[in-house]
PDB file of all heavy atoms in Angstrom:
ATOM      1  N   GLY A   1      77.799 255.446 -39.522  1.00  0.00           N
ATOM      2  CA  GLY A   1      78.286 256.302 -40.597  1.00  0.00           C
ATOM      3  C   GLY A   1      79.703 255.994 -41.035  1.00  0.00           C
ATOM      4  O   GLY A   1      80.157 256.509 -42.060  1.00  0.00           O
ATOM      5  N   GLY A   2      80.388 255.181 -40.267  1.00  0.00           N
ATOM      6  CA  GLY A   2      81.766 254.835 -40.582  1.00  0.00           C
ATOM      7  C   GLY A   2      81.881 253.711 -41.590  1.00  0.00           C
ATOM      8  O   GLY A   2      80.883 253.238 -42.142  1.00  0.00           O
ATOM      9  N   SER A   3      83.127 253.281 -41.815  1.00  0.00           N
ATOM     10  CA  SER A   3      83.411 252.263 -42.827  1.00  0.00           C
ATOM     11  C   SER A   3      84.328 251.184 -42.261  1.00  0.00           C
ATOM     12  O   SER A   3      85.129 251.438 -41.361  1.00  0.00           O
ATOM     13  CB  SER A   3      84.093 252.901 -44.046  1.00  0.00           C
ATOM     14  OG  SER A   3      83.259 253.855 -44.663  1.00  0.00           O
ATOM     15  N   LEU A   4      84.194 250.011 -42.824  1.00  0.00           N
ATOM     16  CA  LEU A   4      85.099 248.897 -42.561  1.00  0.00           C
ATOM     17  C   LEU A   4      85.286 248.133 -43.860  1.00  0.00           C
ATOM     18  O   LEU A   4      84.388 248.110 -44.713  1.00  0.00           O
ATOM     19  CB  LEU A   4      84.552 247.950 -41.501  1.00  0.00           C
ATOM     20  CG  LEU A   4      84.603 248.382 -40.030  1.00  0.00           C
ATOM     21  CD1 LEU A   4      83.864 247.369 -39.168  1.00  0.00           C
ATOM     22  CD2 LEU A   4      86.030 248.534 -39.551  1.00  0.00           C
ATOM     23  N   ARG A   5      86.438 247.459 -43.981  1.00  0.00           N
ATOM     24  CA  ARG A   5      86.686 246.588 -45.130  1.00  0.00           C
ATOM     25  C   ARG A   5      87.023 245.197 -44.609  1.00  0.00           C
ATOM     26  O   ARG A   5      88.039 245.015 -43.931  1.00  0.00           O
ATOM     27  CB  ARG A   5      87.833 247.122 -45.983  1.00  0.00           C
ATOM     28  CG  ARG A   5      88.015 246.359 -47.291  1.00  0.00           C
ATOM     29  CD  ARG A   5      89.322 246.703 -47.945  1.00  0.00           C
ATOM     30  NE  ARG A   5      89.388 246.269 -49.324  1.00  0.00           N
ATOM     31  CZ  ARG A   5      90.525 245.990 -49.954  1.00  0.00           C
ATOM     32  NH1 ARG A   5      91.677 246.105 -49.317  1.00  0.00           N
ATOM     33  NH2 ARG A   5      90.505 245.602 -51.231  1.00  0.00           N
ATOM     34  N   LEU A   6      86.182 244.254 -44.937  1.00  0.00           N
ATOM     35  CA  LEU A   6      86.422 242.868 -44.556  1.00  0.00           C
ATOM     36  C   LEU A   6      87.178 242.148 -45.664  1.00  0.00           C
ATOM     37  O   LEU A   6      86.970 242.430 -46.848  1.00  0.00           O
ATOM     38  CB  LEU A   6      85.105 242.145 -44.288  1.00  0.00           C
ATOM     39  CG  LEU A   6      84.163 242.763 -43.258  1.00  0.00           C
ATOM     40  CD1 LEU A   6      82.958 241.844 -43.058  1.00  0.00           C
ATOM     41  CD2 LEU A   6      84.861 243.034 -41.956  1.00  0.00           C
ATOM     42  N   SER A   7      88.026 241.215 -45.265  1.00  0.00           N
ATOM     43  CA  SER A   7      88.739 240.363 -46.207  1.00  0.00           C
ATOM     44  C   SER A   7      88.450 238.903 -45.879  1.00  0.00           C
ATOM     45  O   SER A   7      88.225 238.551 -44.719  1.00  0.00           O
ATOM     46  CB  SER A   7      90.251 240.598 -46.128  1.00  0.00           C
ATOM     47  OG  SER A   7      90.579 241.925 -46.473  1.00  0.00           O
ATOM     48  N   CYS A   8      88.475 238.073 -46.899  1.00  0.00           N
ATOM     49  CA  CYS A   8      88.310 236.636 -46.743  1.00  0.00           C
ATOM     50  C   CYS A   8      89.415 235.964 -47.558  1.00  0.00           C
ATOM     51  O   CYS A   8      89.363 235.963 -48.785  1.00  0.00           O
ATOM     52  CB  CYS A   8      86.942 236.200 -47.225  1.00  0.00           C
ATOM     53  SG  CYS A   8      86.717 234.401 -47.287  1.00  0.00           S
ATOM     54  N   ALA A   9      90.404 235.440 -46.863  1.00  0.00           N
ATOM     55  CA  ALA A   9      91.544 234.810 -47.529  1.00  0.00           C
ATOM     56  C   ALA A   9      91.358 233.302 -47.543  1.00  0.00           C
ATOM     57  O   ALA A   9      91.134 232.684 -46.496  1.00  0.00           O
ATOM     58  CB  ALA A   9      92.831 235.181 -46.811  1.00  0.00           C
ATOM     59  N   ALA A  10      91.465 232.725 -48.726  1.00  0.00           N
ATOM     60  CA  ALA A  10      91.296 231.281 -48.884  1.00  0.00           C
ATOM     61  C   ALA A  10      92.663 230.611 -48.999  1.00  0.00           C
ATOM     62  O   ALA A  10      93.599 231.167 -49.580  1.00  0.00           O
ATOM     63  CB  ALA A  10      90.465 230.976 -50.112  1.00  0.00           C
ATOM     64  N   SER A  11      92.747 229.428 -48.441  1.00  0.00           N
ATOM     65  CA  SER A  11      93.962 228.631 -48.566  1.00  0.00           C
ATOM     66  C   SER A  11      93.587 227.166 -48.703  1.00  0.00           C
ATOM     67  O   SER A  11      92.469 226.770 -48.378  1.00  0.00           O
ATOM     68  CB  SER A  11      94.871 228.838 -47.350  1.00  0.00           C
ATOM     69  OG  SER A  11      94.225 228.419 -46.165  1.00  0.00           O
ATOM     70  N   GLY A  12      94.490 226.364 -49.200  1.00  0.00           N
ATOM     71  CA  GLY A  12      94.241 224.940 -49.361  1.00  0.00           C
ATOM     72  C   GLY A  12      93.726 224.557 -50.741  1.00  0.00           C
ATOM     73  O   GLY A  12      93.831 223.403 -51.144  1.00  0.00           O
ATOM     74  N   ARG A  13      93.126 225.485 -51.432  1.00  0.00           N
ATOM     75  CA  ARG A  13      92.691 225.314 -52.817  1.00  0.00           C
ATOM     76  C   ARG A  13      92.362 226.681 -53.368  1.00  0.00           C
ATOM     77  O   ARG A  13      92.119 227.623 -52.616  1.00  0.00           O
ATOM     78  CB  ARG A  13      91.499 224.369 -52.957  1.00  0.00           C
ATOM     79  CG  ARG A  13      90.239 224.839 -52.262  1.00  0.00           C
ATOM     80  CD  ARG A  13      88.990 224.179 -52.816  1.00  0.00           C
ATOM     81  NE  ARG A  13      88.590 224.739 -54.104  1.00  0.00           N
ATOM     82  CZ  ARG A  13      87.593 224.303 -54.847  1.00  0.00           C
ATOM     83  NH1 ARG A  13      86.915 223.228 -54.443  1.00  0.00           N
ATOM     84  NH2 ARG A  13      87.263 224.873 -55.985  1.00  0.00           N
ATOM     85  N   THR A  14      92.310 226.771 -54.689  1.00  0.00           N
ATOM     86  CA  THR A  14      91.932 228.021 -55.312  1.00  0.00           C
ATOM     87  C   THR A  14      90.425 228.053 -55.551  1.00  0.00           C
ATOM     88  O   THR A  14      89.809 227.032 -55.851  1.00  0.00           O
ATOM     89  CB  THR A  14      92.683 228.226 -56.638  1.00  0.00           C
ATOM     90  OG1 THR A  14      92.237 229.454 -57.227  1.00  0.00           O
ATOM     91  CG2 THR A  14      92.394 227.085 -57.599  1.00  0.00           C
ATOM     92  N   PHE A  15      89.854 229.252 -55.403  1.00  0.00           N
ATOM     93  CA  PHE A  15      88.433 229.433 -55.661  1.00  0.00           C
ATOM     94  C   PHE A  15      88.207 230.373 -56.845  1.00  0.00           C
ATOM     95  O   PHE A  15      87.147 230.989 -56.961  1.00  0.00           O
ATOM     96  CB  PHE A  15      87.741 229.986 -54.409  1.00  0.00           C
ATOM     97  CG  PHE A  15      87.617 228.978 -53.309  1.00  0.00           C
ATOM     98  CD1 PHE A  15      88.466 228.996 -52.215  1.00  0.00           C
ATOM     99  CD2 PHE A  15      86.660 227.978 -53.367  1.00  0.00           C
ATOM    100  CE1 PHE A  15      88.365 228.064 -51.199  1.00  0.00           C
ATOM    101  CE2 PHE A  15      86.536 227.039 -52.370  1.00  0.00           C
ATOM    102  CZ  PHE A  15      87.402 227.077 -51.281  1.00  0.00           C
ATOM    103  N   SER A  16      89.184 230.469 -57.728  1.00  0.00           N
ATOM    104  CA  SER A  16      89.092 231.409 -58.842  1.00  0.00           C
ATOM    105  C   SER A  16      87.993 231.043 -59.829  1.00  0.00           C
ATOM    106  O   SER A  16      87.595 231.877 -60.637  1.00  0.00           O
ATOM    107  CB  SER A  16      90.436 231.513 -59.563  1.00  0.00           C
ATOM    108  OG  SER A  16      90.826 230.238 -60.037  1.00  0.00           O
ATOM    109  N   SER A  17      87.477 229.825 -59.806  1.00  0.00           N
ATOM    110  CA  SER A  17      86.387 229.426 -60.690  1.00  0.00           C
ATOM    111  C   SER A  17      85.061 229.281 -59.946  1.00  0.00           C
ATOM    112  O   SER A  17      84.088 228.746 -60.486  1.00  0.00           O
ATOM    113  CB  SER A  17      86.728 228.098 -61.374  1.00  0.00           C
ATOM    114  OG  SER A  17      86.925 227.079 -60.408  1.00  0.00           O
ATOM    115  N   ASN A  18      85.010 229.790 -58.729  1.00  0.00           N
ATOM    116  CA  ASN A  18      83.849 229.563 -57.868  1.00  0.00           C
ATOM    117  C   ASN A  18      83.240 230.864 -57.354  1.00  0.00           C
ATOM    118  O   ASN A  18      83.966 231.820 -57.048  1.00  0.00           O
ATOM    119  CB  ASN A  18      84.250 228.716 -56.665  1.00  0.00           C
ATOM    120  CG  ASN A  18      84.892 227.406 -57.069  1.00  0.00           C
ATOM    121  OD1 ASN A  18      86.117 227.320 -57.175  1.00  0.00           O
ATOM    122  ND2 ASN A  18      84.079 226.409 -57.318  1.00  0.00           N
ATOM    123  N   ALA A  19      81.911 230.863 -57.226  1.00  0.00           N
ATOM    124  CA  ALA A  19      81.243 231.984 -56.586  1.00  0.00           C
ATOM    125  C   ALA A  19      81.549 231.987 -55.093  1.00  0.00           C
ATOM    126  O   ALA A  19      81.771 230.942 -54.486  1.00  0.00           O
ATOM    127  CB  ALA A  19      79.739 231.897 -56.812  1.00  0.00           C
ATOM    128  N   MET A  20      81.542 233.182 -54.542  1.00  0.00           N
ATOM    129  CA  MET A  20      81.742 233.343 -53.104  1.00  0.00           C
ATOM    130  C   MET A  20      80.724 234.343 -52.580  1.00  0.00           C
ATOM    131  O   MET A  20      80.094 235.065 -53.359  1.00  0.00           O
ATOM    132  CB  MET A  20      83.171 233.815 -52.810  1.00  0.00           C
ATOM    133  CG  MET A  20      84.228 232.832 -53.277  1.00  0.00           C
ATOM    134  SD  MET A  20      85.900 233.323 -52.846  1.00  0.00           S
ATOM    135  CE  MET A  20      85.913 232.988 -51.084  1.00  0.00           C
ATOM    136  N   ALA A  21      80.575 234.387 -51.279  1.00  0.00           N
ATOM    137  CA  ALA A  21      79.525 235.233 -50.713  1.00  0.00           C
ATOM    138  C   ALA A  21      79.866 235.647 -49.289  1.00  0.00           C
ATOM    139  O   ALA A  21      80.725 235.051 -48.640  1.00  0.00           O
ATOM    140  CB  ALA A  21      78.191 234.495 -50.729  1.00  0.00           C
ATOM    141  N   TRP A  22      79.164 236.669 -48.852  1.00  0.00           N
ATOM    142  CA  TRP A  22      79.191 237.097 -47.459  1.00  0.00           C
ATOM    143  C   TRP A  22      77.793 236.902 -46.868  1.00  0.00           C
ATOM    144  O   TRP A  22      76.785 237.235 -47.499  1.00  0.00           O
ATOM    145  CB  TRP A  22      79.584 238.573 -47.340  1.00  0.00           C
ATOM    146  CG  TRP A  22      81.009 238.853 -47.666  1.00  0.00           C
ATOM    147  CD1 TRP A  22      81.513 239.268 -48.866  1.00  0.00           C
ATOM    148  CD2 TRP A  22      82.123 238.737 -46.783  1.00  0.00           C
ATOM    149  NE1 TRP A  22      82.869 239.418 -48.787  1.00  0.00           N
ATOM    150  CE2 TRP A  22      83.278 239.114 -47.508  1.00  0.00           C
ATOM    151  CE3 TRP A  22      82.268 238.374 -45.441  1.00  0.00           C
ATOM    152  CZ2 TRP A  22      84.551 239.121 -46.943  1.00  0.00           C
ATOM    153  CZ3 TRP A  22      83.534 238.380 -44.885  1.00  0.00           C
ATOM    154  CH2 TRP A  22      84.656 238.745 -45.628  1.00  0.00           C
ATOM    155  N   PHE A  23      77.762 236.388 -45.650  1.00  0.00           N
ATOM    156  CA  PHE A  23      76.551 236.274 -44.870  1.00  0.00           C
ATOM    157  C   PHE A  23      76.816 236.921 -43.514  1.00  0.00           C
ATOM    158  O   PHE A  23      77.967 237.175 -43.153  1.00  0.00           O
ATOM    159  CB  PHE A  23      76.165 234.798 -44.671  1.00  0.00           C
ATOM    160  CG  PHE A  23      75.702 234.117 -45.930  1.00  0.00           C
ATOM    161  CD1 PHE A  23      76.608 233.631 -46.867  1.00  0.00           C
ATOM    162  CD2 PHE A  23      74.354 233.962 -46.186  1.00  0.00           C
ATOM    163  CE1 PHE A  23      76.188 233.013 -48.033  1.00  0.00           C
ATOM    164  CE2 PHE A  23      73.911 233.347 -47.359  1.00  0.00           C
ATOM    165  CZ  PHE A  23      74.829 232.873 -48.265  1.00  0.00           C
ATOM    166  N   ARG A  24      75.758 237.167 -42.771  1.00  0.00           N
ATOM    167  CA  ARG A  24      75.935 237.706 -41.427  1.00  0.00           C
ATOM    168  C   ARG A  24      74.876 237.149 -40.495  1.00  0.00           C
ATOM    169  O   ARG A  24      73.803 236.728 -40.934  1.00  0.00           O
ATOM    170  CB  ARG A  24      75.882 239.240 -41.433  1.00  0.00           C
ATOM    171  CG  ARG A  24      74.527 239.842 -41.794  1.00  0.00           C
ATOM    172  CD  ARG A  24      74.653 241.352 -41.919  1.00  0.00           C
ATOM    173  NE  ARG A  24      73.358 241.972 -42.206  1.00  0.00           N
ATOM    174  CZ  ARG A  24      73.205 243.274 -42.480  1.00  0.00           C
ATOM    175  NH1 ARG A  24      74.254 244.082 -42.500  1.00  0.00           N
ATOM    176  NH2 ARG A  24      71.993 243.766 -42.719  1.00  0.00           N
ATOM    177  N   GLN A  25      75.207 237.148 -39.213  1.00  0.00           N
ATOM    178  CA  GLN A  25      74.268 236.671 -38.205  1.00  0.00           C
ATOM    179  C   GLN A  25      74.343 237.576 -36.993  1.00  0.00           C
ATOM    180  O   GLN A  25      75.397 237.678 -36.353  1.00  0.00           O
ATOM    181  CB  GLN A  25      74.575 235.227 -37.820  1.00  0.00           C
ATOM    182  CG  GLN A  25      73.532 234.621 -36.904  1.00  0.00           C
ATOM    183  CD  GLN A  25      73.666 233.121 -36.777  1.00  0.00           C
ATOM    184  OE1 GLN A  25      74.703 232.536 -37.084  1.00  0.00           O
ATOM    185  NE2 GLN A  25      72.599 232.463 -36.345  1.00  0.00           N
ATOM    186  N   ALA A  26      73.225 238.212 -36.703  1.00  0.00           N
ATOM    187  CA  ALA A  26      73.108 239.057 -35.519  1.00  0.00           C
ATOM    188  C   ALA A  26      72.620 238.221 -34.342  1.00  0.00           C
ATOM    189  O   ALA A  26      72.004 237.164 -34.546  1.00  0.00           O
ATOM    190  CB  ALA A  26      72.151 240.205 -35.795  1.00  0.00           C
ATOM    191  N   PRO A  27      72.869 238.657 -33.122  1.00  0.00           N
ATOM    192  CA  PRO A  27      72.427 237.900 -31.947  1.00  0.00           C
ATOM    193  C   PRO A  27      70.927 237.650 -31.979  1.00  0.00           C
ATOM    194  O   PRO A  27      70.134 238.569 -32.205  1.00  0.00           O
ATOM    195  CB  PRO A  27      72.821 238.816 -30.783  1.00  0.00           C
ATOM    196  CG  PRO A  27      73.944 239.629 -31.296  1.00  0.00           C
ATOM    197  CD  PRO A  27      73.650 239.854 -32.748  1.00  0.00           C
ATOM    198  N   GLY A  28      70.544 236.400 -31.776  1.00  0.00           N
ATOM    199  CA  GLY A  28      69.137 236.046 -31.728  1.00  0.00           C
ATOM    200  C   GLY A  28      68.452 235.964 -33.081  1.00  0.00           C
ATOM    201  O   GLY A  28      67.240 235.767 -33.149  1.00  0.00           O
ATOM    202  N   LYS A  29      69.220 236.124 -34.143  1.00  0.00           N
ATOM    203  CA  LYS A  29      68.638 236.095 -35.491  1.00  0.00           C
ATOM    204  C   LYS A  29      69.270 235.000 -36.332  1.00  0.00           C
ATOM    205  O   LYS A  29      70.350 234.504 -36.020  1.00  0.00           O
ATOM    206  CB  LYS A  29      68.802 237.447 -36.178  1.00  0.00           C
ATOM    207  CG  LYS A  29      68.056 238.575 -35.504  1.00  0.00           C
ATOM    208  CD  LYS A  29      68.113 239.842 -36.336  1.00  0.00           C
ATOM    209  CE  LYS A  29      67.304 240.959 -35.713  1.00  0.00           C
ATOM    210  NZ  LYS A  29      67.338 242.201 -36.543  1.00  0.00           N
TER     211      LYS A  29
END
């Protein structure tokens, strides 16, 4: 029921013209 906010900071190049995404992996999956 709680909340979290994840961040993804990019460095080394800009991704302002690129799609980005979040994926996840649970144990054994």
